[in-house]
Amino acid sequence: MPTQACSSPTKDELRRRALLAARRRLSELREAGEIGDAAVRAVEDDLRRIELRAFLGKLYPS
């Protein structure tokens, strides 16, 4: 019988994977010339806010 760690990723792992995928796609779009530096900065700012909220949520749970 599989263990919890093997059977399903944790919420943190899913969040980490989603952020990594978003950054990879952002990089692809930038390299293809489909978006500019300002758009990349704006999206990166949003991604950093998501990470910060998740981190602070662990420090100060509701």
N, C-alpha and C. Protein backbone atom coordinates (compact mmCIF):
# COMPACT_ATOMS: atom_id res chain seq x y z
N MET A 1 0.84 -1.18 0.00
CA MET A 1 0.00 0.00 0.00
C MET A 1 0.89 1.25 0.00
N PRO A 2 0.64 2.23 -0.90
CA PRO A 2 1.49 3.41 -0.97
C PRO A 2 1.32 4.30 0.26
N THR A 3 2.38 4.99 0.57
CA THR A 3 2.33 5.93 1.70
C THR A 3 1.77 7.26 1.22
N GLN A 4 1.43 8.10 2.16
CA GLN A 4 0.88 9.42 1.85
C GLN A 4 1.84 10.22 0.99
N ALA A 5 3.13 10.18 1.29
CA ALA A 5 4.12 10.97 0.56
C ALA A 5 4.22 10.53 -0.89
N CYS A 6 4.03 9.24 -1.14
CA CYS A 6 4.14 8.72 -2.50
C CYS A 6 2.84 8.85 -3.29
N SER A 7 1.71 8.80 -2.61
CA SER A 7 0.44 8.75 -3.30
C SER A 7 -0.05 10.10 -3.80
N SER A 8 0.19 11.15 -3.07
CA SER A 8 -0.27 12.45 -3.53
C SER A 8 0.65 13.56 -3.01
N PRO A 9 0.90 14.53 -3.88
CA PRO A 9 1.77 15.63 -3.45
C PRO A 9 1.07 16.51 -2.41
N THR A 10 1.88 17.14 -1.60
CA THR A 10 1.34 18.06 -0.59
C THR A 10 0.91 19.36 -1.25
N LYS A 11 0.18 20.13 -0.51
CA LYS A 11 -0.27 21.44 -0.99
C LYS A 11 0.95 22.32 -1.34
N ASP A 12 1.98 22.25 -0.51
CA ASP A 12 3.19 23.04 -0.77
C ASP A 12 3.88 22.59 -2.05
N GLU A 13 3.94 21.26 -2.26
CA GLU A 13 4.57 20.74 -3.46
C GLU A 13 3.78 21.14 -4.71
N LEU A 14 2.47 21.08 -4.63
CA LEU A 14 1.65 21.51 -5.76
C LEU A 14 1.86 22.99 -6.06
N ARG A 15 1.93 23.80 -5.02
CA ARG A 15 2.16 25.23 -5.21
C ARG A 15 3.52 25.48 -5.84
N ARG A 16 4.54 24.76 -5.36
CA ARG A 16 5.88 24.91 -5.90
C ARG A 16 5.93 24.52 -7.38
N ARG A 17 5.27 23.42 -7.70
CA ARG A 17 5.23 22.98 -9.11
C ARG A 17 4.51 23.98 -10.00
N ALA A 18 3.39 24.51 -9.50
CA ALA A 18 2.62 25.48 -10.28
C ALA A 18 3.43 26.75 -10.53
N LEU A 19 4.13 27.22 -9.51
CA LEU A 19 4.95 28.43 -9.67
C LEU A 19 6.10 28.18 -10.64
N LEU A 20 6.71 27.00 -10.55
CA LEU A 20 7.80 26.66 -11.46
C LEU A 20 7.29 26.60 -12.90
N ALA A 21 6.14 25.99 -13.11
CA ALA A 21 5.56 25.91 -14.45
C ALA A 21 5.22 27.30 -14.99
N ALA A 22 4.69 28.16 -14.12
CA ALA A 22 4.36 29.52 -14.55
C ALA A 22 5.62 30.28 -14.95
N ARG A 23 6.68 30.12 -14.20
CA ARG A 23 7.93 30.82 -14.52
C ARG A 23 8.55 30.28 -15.82
N ARG A 24 8.46 28.98 -16.02
CA ARG A 24 8.98 28.41 -17.27
C ARG A 24 8.21 28.94 -18.47
N ARG A 25 6.88 28.96 -18.35
CA ARG A 25 6.06 29.46 -19.46
C ARG A 25 6.32 30.94 -19.69
N LEU A 26 6.47 31.69 -18.64
CA LEU A 26 6.77 33.11 -18.76
C LEU A 26 8.08 33.31 -19.52
N SER A 27 9.07 32.51 -19.20
CA SER A 27 10.36 32.57 -19.88
C SER A 27 10.22 32.21 -21.36
N GLU A 28 9.43 31.20 -21.65
CA GLU A 28 9.20 30.81 -23.04
C GLU A 28 8.56 31.94 -23.84
N LEU A 29 7.57 32.56 -23.25
CA LEU A 29 6.88 33.67 -23.94
C LEU A 29 7.82 34.84 -24.17
N ARG A 30 8.66 35.12 -23.20
CA ARG A 30 9.61 36.22 -23.34
C ARG A 30 10.63 35.92 -24.43
N GLU A 31 11.17 34.69 -24.41
CA GLU A 31 12.16 34.30 -25.42
C GLU A 31 11.58 34.29 -26.82
N ALA A 32 10.28 33.99 -26.94
CA ALA A 32 9.62 33.98 -28.25
C ALA A 32 9.24 35.39 -28.70
N GLY A 33 9.44 36.37 -27.83
CA GLY A 33 9.12 37.75 -28.17
C GLY A 33 7.64 38.06 -28.07
N GLU A 34 6.88 37.18 -27.42
CA GLU A 34 5.44 37.40 -27.33
C GLU A 34 5.06 38.36 -26.22
N ILE A 35 5.93 38.52 -25.23
CA ILE A 35 5.70 39.49 -24.17
C ILE A 35 7.00 40.23 -23.90
N GLY A 36 6.88 41.42 -23.37
CA GLY A 36 8.06 42.24 -23.10
C GLY A 36 8.50 42.19 -21.65
N ASP A 37 9.57 42.92 -21.40
CA ASP A 37 10.15 42.95 -20.06
C ASP A 37 9.19 43.48 -19.00
N ALA A 38 8.40 44.47 -19.35
CA ALA A 38 7.46 45.03 -18.37
C ALA A 38 6.43 43.99 -17.95
N ALA A 39 5.94 43.22 -18.91
CA ALA A 39 4.97 42.16 -18.59
C ALA A 39 5.61 41.09 -17.72
N VAL A 40 6.84 40.73 -18.03
CA VAL A 40 7.55 39.73 -17.23
C VAL A 40 7.70 40.22 -15.79
N ARG A 41 8.09 41.47 -15.63
CA ARG A 41 8.24 42.02 -14.28
C ARG A 41 6.91 42.01 -13.52
N ALA A 42 5.83 42.37 -14.20
CA ALA A 42 4.52 42.41 -13.56
C ALA A 42 4.09 41.01 -13.10
N VAL A 43 4.28 40.03 -13.95
CA VAL A 43 3.89 38.66 -13.59
C VAL A 43 4.80 38.13 -12.48
N GLU A 44 6.09 38.40 -12.57
CA GLU A 44 7.02 37.95 -11.52
C GLU A 44 6.65 38.57 -10.17
N ASP A 45 6.24 39.84 -10.19
CA ASP A 45 5.81 40.48 -8.95
C ASP A 45 4.62 39.73 -8.35
N ASP A 46 3.66 39.34 -9.20
CA ASP A 46 2.51 38.58 -8.73
C ASP A 46 2.93 37.22 -8.17
N LEU A 47 3.84 36.54 -8.85
CA LEU A 47 4.30 35.24 -8.40
C LEU A 47 5.01 35.35 -7.05
N ARG A 48 5.81 36.40 -6.88
CA ARG A 48 6.49 36.61 -5.59
C ARG A 48 5.48 36.88 -4.48
N ARG A 49 4.41 37.62 -4.79
CA ARG A 49 3.37 37.88 -3.78
C ARG A 49 2.68 36.58 -3.37
N ILE A 50 2.44 35.69 -4.33
CA ILE A 50 1.83 34.40 -4.02
C ILE A 50 2.74 33.61 -3.08
N GLU A 51 4.03 33.59 -3.40
CA GLU A 51 4.99 32.88 -2.55
C GLU A 51 5.04 33.48 -1.15
N LEU A 52 5.05 34.79 -1.07
CA LEU A 52 5.12 35.46 0.23
C LEU A 52 3.88 35.18 1.06
N ARG A 53 2.70 35.23 0.43
CA ARG A 53 1.47 34.93 1.15
C ARG A 53 1.47 33.51 1.70
N ALA A 54 1.97 32.58 0.89
CA ALA A 54 2.03 31.18 1.33
C ALA A 54 2.99 31.04 2.52
N PHE A 55 4.12 31.71 2.44
CA PHE A 55 5.10 31.65 3.52
C PHE A 55 4.56 32.27 4.80
N LEU A 56 3.95 33.43 4.67
CA LEU A 56 3.39 34.09 5.85
C LEU A 56 2.23 33.31 6.43
N GLY A 57 1.49 32.62 5.59
CA GLY A 57 0.40 31.78 6.07
C GLY A 57 0.89 30.66 6.95
N LYS A 58 2.10 30.18 6.67
CA LYS A 58 2.69 29.13 7.51
C LYS A 58 3.16 29.71 8.85
N LEU A 59 3.69 30.93 8.81
CA LEU A 59 4.15 31.57 10.04
C LEU A 59 3.01 31.99 10.95
N TYR A 60 1.96 32.50 10.32
CA TYR A 60 0.82 33.04 11.08
C TYR A 60 -0.49 32.41 10.60
N PRO A 61 -0.69 31.12 10.89
CA PRO A 61 -1.92 30.47 10.43
C PRO A 61 -3.16 31.12 11.05
N SER A 62 -4.23 31.08 10.33
CA SER A 62 -5.49 31.69 10.80
C SER A 62 -6.11 30.90 11.91
